[in-house]
N, C-alpha and C. Protein backbone atom coordinates (compact mmCIF):
# COMPACT_ATOMS: atom_id res chain seq x y z
N UNK A 1 35.29 0.40 43.63
CA UNK A 1 33.89 0.13 43.87
C UNK A 1 33.17 1.45 44.16
N UNK A 2 31.97 1.60 43.65
CA UNK A 2 31.18 2.80 43.87
C UNK A 2 29.97 2.42 44.71
N UNK A 3 29.81 3.12 45.84
CA UNK A 3 28.68 2.86 46.74
C UNK A 3 27.96 4.17 46.97
N UNK A 4 26.65 4.17 46.70
CA UNK A 4 25.83 5.37 46.89
C UNK A 4 26.40 6.58 46.15
N UNK A 5 26.92 6.35 44.94
CA UNK A 5 27.44 7.44 44.13
C UNK A 5 28.83 7.91 44.53
N UNK A 6 29.43 7.25 45.50
CA UNK A 6 30.76 7.64 45.96
C UNK A 6 31.76 6.55 45.64
N UNK A 7 32.88 6.92 45.03
CA UNK A 7 33.96 5.96 44.87
C UNK A 7 34.63 5.79 46.23
N UNK A 8 35.45 4.78 46.36
CA UNK A 8 36.15 4.60 47.63
C UNK A 8 37.08 5.78 47.90
N UNK A 9 37.69 6.33 46.85
CA UNK A 9 38.55 7.50 47.04
C UNK A 9 37.74 8.71 47.51
N UNK A 10 36.53 8.88 46.94
CA UNK A 10 35.65 9.98 47.38
C UNK A 10 35.29 9.81 48.85
N UNK A 11 34.91 8.60 49.23
CA UNK A 11 34.55 8.33 50.63
C UNK A 11 35.74 8.60 51.55
N UNK A 12 36.93 8.19 51.12
CA UNK A 12 38.13 8.47 51.93
C UNK A 12 38.33 9.97 52.12
N UNK A 13 38.17 10.75 51.04
CA UNK A 13 38.35 12.20 51.15
C UNK A 13 37.31 12.82 52.08
N UNK A 14 36.08 12.36 51.97
CA UNK A 14 35.00 12.91 52.80
C UNK A 14 35.26 12.63 54.27
N UNK A 15 35.53 11.39 54.59
CA UNK A 15 35.68 11.04 56.01
C UNK A 15 37.00 11.53 56.58
N UNK A 16 38.01 11.68 55.74
CA UNK A 16 39.25 12.33 56.20
C UNK A 16 38.95 13.79 56.55
N UNK A 17 38.21 14.46 55.68
CA UNK A 17 37.88 15.86 55.93
C UNK A 17 37.05 16.01 57.20
N UNK A 18 36.12 15.10 57.42
CA UNK A 18 35.25 15.19 58.59
C UNK A 18 35.91 14.70 59.87
N UNK A 19 37.09 14.14 59.77
CA UNK A 19 37.79 13.64 60.95
C UNK A 19 38.33 14.77 61.82
N UNK A 20 38.33 15.97 61.29
CA UNK A 20 38.87 17.11 62.03
C UNK A 20 37.73 17.96 62.61
N UNK A 21 37.84 18.31 63.89
CA UNK A 21 36.81 19.08 64.61
C UNK A 21 36.55 20.43 63.95
N UNK A 22 37.59 21.15 63.56
CA UNK A 22 37.40 22.47 62.94
C UNK A 22 36.66 22.34 61.62
N UNK A 23 37.03 21.34 60.83
CA UNK A 23 36.35 21.17 59.54
C UNK A 23 34.89 20.79 59.73
N UNK A 24 34.59 19.94 60.72
CA UNK A 24 33.18 19.62 60.99
C UNK A 24 32.42 20.88 61.39
N UNK A 25 33.06 21.74 62.17
CA UNK A 25 32.42 22.98 62.59
C UNK A 25 32.18 23.90 61.39
N UNK A 26 33.13 23.97 60.50
CA UNK A 26 32.96 24.79 59.29
C UNK A 26 31.77 24.29 58.48
N UNK A 27 31.68 22.98 58.30
CA UNK A 27 30.55 22.41 57.54
C UNK A 27 29.24 22.77 58.23
N UNK A 28 29.19 22.62 59.54
CA UNK A 28 27.97 22.96 60.28
C UNK A 28 27.59 24.42 60.08
N UNK A 29 28.57 25.30 60.17
CA UNK A 29 28.30 26.73 60.01
C UNK A 29 27.77 27.06 58.61
N UNK A 30 28.38 26.48 57.58
CA UNK A 30 27.93 26.83 56.22
C UNK A 30 26.65 26.10 55.84
N UNK A 31 26.30 25.05 56.59
CA UNK A 31 24.99 24.44 56.39
C UNK A 31 23.89 25.40 56.84
N UNK A 32 24.17 26.16 57.90
CA UNK A 32 23.19 27.13 58.41
C UNK A 32 23.09 28.34 57.50
N UNK A 33 24.24 28.81 57.02
CA UNK A 33 24.24 30.00 56.14
C UNK A 33 25.61 30.11 55.48
N UNK A 34 25.60 30.52 54.22
CA UNK A 34 26.88 30.74 53.53
C UNK A 34 27.69 31.76 54.31
N UNK A 35 29.02 31.61 54.25
CA UNK A 35 29.90 32.53 54.97
C UNK A 35 31.15 32.76 54.15
N UNK A 36 31.72 33.93 54.32
CA UNK A 36 32.99 34.20 53.64
C UNK A 36 34.10 33.51 54.42
N UNK A 37 35.19 33.24 53.73
CA UNK A 37 36.35 32.64 54.39
C UNK A 37 36.83 33.57 55.51
N UNK A 38 36.76 34.88 55.28
CA UNK A 38 37.16 35.86 56.30
C UNK A 38 36.30 35.74 57.55
N UNK A 39 34.99 35.62 57.36
CA UNK A 39 34.09 35.46 58.51
C UNK A 39 34.39 34.18 59.27
N UNK A 40 34.64 33.12 58.52
CA UNK A 40 34.98 31.85 59.17
C UNK A 40 36.27 31.99 59.97
N UNK A 41 37.26 32.64 59.39
CA UNK A 41 38.57 32.77 60.04
C UNK A 41 38.48 33.52 61.35
N UNK A 42 37.54 34.45 61.46
CA UNK A 42 37.38 35.21 62.70
C UNK A 42 36.92 34.34 63.86
N UNK A 43 36.34 33.20 63.57
CA UNK A 43 35.76 32.35 64.61
C UNK A 43 36.75 31.37 65.25
N UNK A 44 37.93 31.28 64.69
CA UNK A 44 38.89 30.28 65.16
C UNK A 44 40.18 30.94 65.62
N UNK A 45 40.81 30.34 66.60
CA UNK A 45 42.09 30.87 67.10
C UNK A 45 43.23 30.27 66.30
N UNK A 46 43.20 30.56 65.02
CA UNK A 46 44.27 30.12 64.11
C UNK A 46 44.37 31.16 63.01
N UNK A 47 45.40 31.05 62.22
CA UNK A 47 45.62 32.04 61.16
C UNK A 47 44.58 31.90 60.05
N UNK A 48 44.44 32.98 59.30
CA UNK A 48 43.56 32.97 58.13
C UNK A 48 44.00 31.86 57.16
N UNK A 49 45.31 31.73 56.97
CA UNK A 49 45.85 30.71 56.06
C UNK A 49 45.47 29.30 56.52
N UNK A 50 45.48 29.07 57.83
CA UNK A 50 45.11 27.75 58.35
C UNK A 50 43.64 27.46 58.06
N UNK A 51 42.78 28.45 58.24
CA UNK A 51 41.35 28.27 57.93
C UNK A 51 41.17 28.02 56.44
N UNK A 52 41.92 28.75 55.61
CA UNK A 52 41.85 28.52 54.16
C UNK A 52 42.22 27.07 53.83
N UNK A 53 43.22 26.54 54.50
CA UNK A 53 43.63 25.14 54.26
C UNK A 53 42.53 24.17 54.65
N UNK A 54 41.87 24.45 55.79
CA UNK A 54 40.74 23.59 56.19
C UNK A 54 39.63 23.64 55.14
N UNK A 55 39.32 24.83 54.67
CA UNK A 55 38.28 24.99 53.65
C UNK A 55 38.70 24.25 52.37
N UNK A 56 39.97 24.30 52.02
CA UNK A 56 40.46 23.61 50.81
C UNK A 56 40.28 22.10 50.94
N UNK A 57 40.54 21.54 52.12
CA UNK A 57 40.35 20.10 52.33
C UNK A 57 38.87 19.76 52.16
N UNK A 58 38.01 20.57 52.74
CA UNK A 58 36.56 20.35 52.61
C UNK A 58 36.10 20.49 51.16
N UNK A 59 36.70 21.44 50.45
CA UNK A 59 36.34 21.66 49.04
C UNK A 59 36.77 20.47 48.18
N UNK A 60 37.98 19.95 48.41
CA UNK A 60 38.44 18.78 47.66
C UNK A 60 37.53 17.58 47.90
N UNK A 61 36.97 17.49 49.09
CA UNK A 61 36.05 16.39 49.41
C UNK A 61 34.65 16.63 48.86
N UNK A 62 34.37 17.87 48.42
CA UNK A 62 33.05 18.21 47.90
C UNK A 62 32.06 18.61 48.97
N UNK A 63 32.52 18.70 50.22
CA UNK A 63 31.62 19.04 51.32
C UNK A 63 31.26 20.52 51.34
N UNK A 64 32.11 21.35 50.75
CA UNK A 64 31.81 22.77 50.58
C UNK A 64 32.27 23.18 49.19
N UNK A 65 31.78 24.32 48.76
CA UNK A 65 32.29 24.91 47.53
C UNK A 65 32.43 26.39 47.75
N UNK A 66 33.40 26.98 47.07
CA UNK A 66 33.65 28.42 47.20
C UNK A 66 33.23 29.12 45.92
N UNK A 67 32.67 30.29 46.10
CA UNK A 67 32.27 31.13 44.98
C UNK A 67 32.83 32.52 45.26
N UNK A 68 33.48 33.09 44.28
CA UNK A 68 34.02 34.44 44.45
C UNK A 68 32.88 35.44 44.29
N UNK A 69 32.78 36.33 45.26
CA UNK A 69 31.80 37.42 45.21
C UNK A 69 32.56 38.70 45.51
N UNK A 70 32.92 39.40 44.47
CA UNK A 70 33.76 40.58 44.64
C UNK A 70 35.14 40.15 45.12
N UNK A 71 35.57 40.73 46.24
CA UNK A 71 36.87 40.40 46.79
C UNK A 71 36.81 39.21 47.74
N UNK A 72 35.61 38.76 48.06
CA UNK A 72 35.45 37.70 49.04
C UNK A 72 35.22 36.35 48.38
N UNK A 73 35.62 35.30 49.11
CA UNK A 73 35.31 33.93 48.71
C UNK A 73 34.22 33.45 49.65
N UNK A 74 33.07 33.14 49.09
CA UNK A 74 31.92 32.73 49.88
C UNK A 74 31.87 31.19 49.87
N UNK A 75 31.70 30.61 51.05
CA UNK A 75 31.69 29.16 51.22
C UNK A 75 30.25 28.70 51.38
N UNK A 76 29.87 27.72 50.57
CA UNK A 76 28.54 27.10 50.60
C UNK A 76 28.70 25.63 50.93
N UNK A 77 27.67 25.05 51.49
CA UNK A 77 27.67 23.61 51.76
C UNK A 77 27.50 22.84 50.45
N UNK A 78 28.21 21.72 50.31
CA UNK A 78 28.04 20.84 49.16
C UNK A 78 27.00 19.78 49.51
N UNK A 79 25.73 20.15 49.39
CA UNK A 79 24.65 19.30 49.87
C UNK A 79 24.59 17.93 49.20
N UNK A 80 24.89 17.86 47.91
CA UNK A 80 24.84 16.57 47.22
C UNK A 80 25.81 15.58 47.86
N UNK A 81 27.02 16.02 48.12
CA UNK A 81 28.03 15.13 48.71
C UNK A 81 27.65 14.79 50.15
N UNK A 82 27.11 15.75 50.88
CA UNK A 82 26.68 15.48 52.25
C UNK A 82 25.58 14.42 52.24
N UNK A 83 24.65 14.51 51.31
CA UNK A 83 23.59 13.51 51.20
C UNK A 83 24.15 12.14 50.81
N UNK A 84 25.14 12.11 49.93
CA UNK A 84 25.75 10.84 49.55
C UNK A 84 26.45 10.20 50.75
N UNK A 85 27.16 11.00 51.54
CA UNK A 85 27.83 10.49 52.73
C UNK A 85 26.80 9.97 53.73
N UNK A 86 25.71 10.70 53.88
CA UNK A 86 24.63 10.27 54.77
C UNK A 86 24.07 8.92 54.32
N UNK A 87 23.85 8.77 53.02
CA UNK A 87 23.33 7.49 52.49
C UNK A 87 24.30 6.35 52.75
N UNK A 88 25.58 6.63 52.59
CA UNK A 88 26.59 5.60 52.85
C UNK A 88 26.54 5.18 54.32
N UNK A 89 26.48 6.15 55.22
CA UNK A 89 26.42 5.84 56.65
C UNK A 89 25.13 5.09 56.99
N UNK A 90 24.03 5.46 56.36
CA UNK A 90 22.77 4.75 56.59
C UNK A 90 22.85 3.31 56.12
N UNK A 91 23.57 3.07 55.02
CA UNK A 91 23.70 1.68 54.54
C UNK A 91 24.52 0.86 55.54
N UNK A 92 25.55 1.48 56.15
CA UNK A 92 26.31 0.78 57.18
C UNK A 92 25.43 0.49 58.40
N UNK A 93 24.62 1.48 58.76
CA UNK A 93 23.72 1.28 59.90
C UNK A 93 22.76 0.13 59.61
N UNK A 94 22.19 0.09 58.41
CA UNK A 94 21.26 -0.97 58.03
C UNK A 94 21.96 -2.34 58.10
N UNK A 95 23.17 -2.40 57.57
CA UNK A 95 23.94 -3.64 57.59
C UNK A 95 24.14 -4.13 59.02
N UNK A 96 24.57 -3.23 59.91
CA UNK A 96 24.83 -3.63 61.29
C UNK A 96 23.54 -3.95 62.04
N UNK A 97 22.48 -3.24 61.80
CA UNK A 97 21.20 -3.58 62.45
C UNK A 97 20.74 -4.96 62.00
N UNK A 98 20.92 -5.27 60.72
CA UNK A 98 20.56 -6.59 60.21
C UNK A 98 21.40 -7.68 60.88
N UNK A 99 22.70 -7.42 61.02
CA UNK A 99 23.59 -8.40 61.67
C UNK A 99 23.22 -8.60 63.13
N UNK A 100 22.91 -7.53 63.84
CA UNK A 100 22.51 -7.65 65.25
C UNK A 100 21.20 -8.42 65.35
N UNK A 101 20.26 -8.15 64.47
CA UNK A 101 18.98 -8.87 64.48
C UNK A 101 19.21 -10.35 64.22
N UNK A 102 20.12 -10.66 63.31
CA UNK A 102 20.43 -12.07 63.01
C UNK A 102 21.07 -12.75 64.23
N UNK A 103 21.97 -12.06 64.91
CA UNK A 103 22.59 -12.61 66.12
C UNK A 103 21.52 -12.82 67.19
N UNK A 104 20.63 -11.85 67.35
CA UNK A 104 19.53 -11.99 68.32
C UNK A 104 18.68 -13.21 68.00
N UNK A 105 18.38 -13.41 66.71
CA UNK A 105 17.58 -14.57 66.30
C UNK A 105 18.32 -15.87 66.60
N UNK A 106 19.60 -15.92 66.32
CA UNK A 106 20.39 -17.12 66.61
C UNK A 106 20.44 -17.40 68.10
N UNK A 107 20.60 -16.37 68.91
CA UNK A 107 20.62 -16.55 70.36
C UNK A 107 19.27 -17.03 70.88
N UNK A 108 18.19 -16.47 70.34
CA UNK A 108 16.86 -16.89 70.75
C UNK A 108 16.64 -18.35 70.36
N UNK A 109 17.13 -18.72 69.18
CA UNK A 109 17.03 -20.11 68.72
C UNK A 109 17.79 -21.04 69.65
N UNK A 110 18.97 -20.63 70.06
CA UNK A 110 19.81 -21.41 70.96
C UNK A 110 19.12 -21.56 72.32
N UNK A 111 18.50 -20.48 72.81
CA UNK A 111 17.80 -20.51 74.09
C UNK A 111 16.65 -21.52 74.07
N UNK A 112 15.89 -21.56 72.97
CA UNK A 112 14.76 -22.48 72.89
C UNK A 112 15.21 -23.92 72.75
N UNK A 113 16.33 -24.17 72.07
CA UNK A 113 16.81 -25.56 71.93
C UNK A 113 17.45 -26.05 73.22
N UNK A 114 18.03 -25.17 74.01
CA UNK A 114 18.64 -25.57 75.28
C UNK A 114 17.59 -25.76 76.36
N UNK A 115 16.45 -25.15 76.18
CA UNK A 115 15.39 -25.27 77.17
C UNK A 115 14.66 -26.59 77.09
N UNK A 116 14.90 -27.34 76.03
CA UNK A 116 14.20 -28.64 75.86
C UNK A 116 14.75 -29.72 76.73
């Protein structure tokens, strides 16, 4: 099934990637400004290879993309995928708000019938 331009496999990859605190931080950083993998690696108390693996998970999910610039790999935010994920989350929010409103209406209906 495809929802908001995302297949279920795509959604799984995105939310798996975002389930990790370091990966969420990387996405936040590259949303503010592109950064090299080296610059990103300096910010974390882990090896360069570990940061590269985090970036690779984000890249497979489409949340970031890497572009080679000379000897450096520059990481950019994958805005299209981020917007698709946002739309998916908004659709869930809409669904749940609608369900809560329906429950509220049913409870109000019950209150008025019991008051008779």
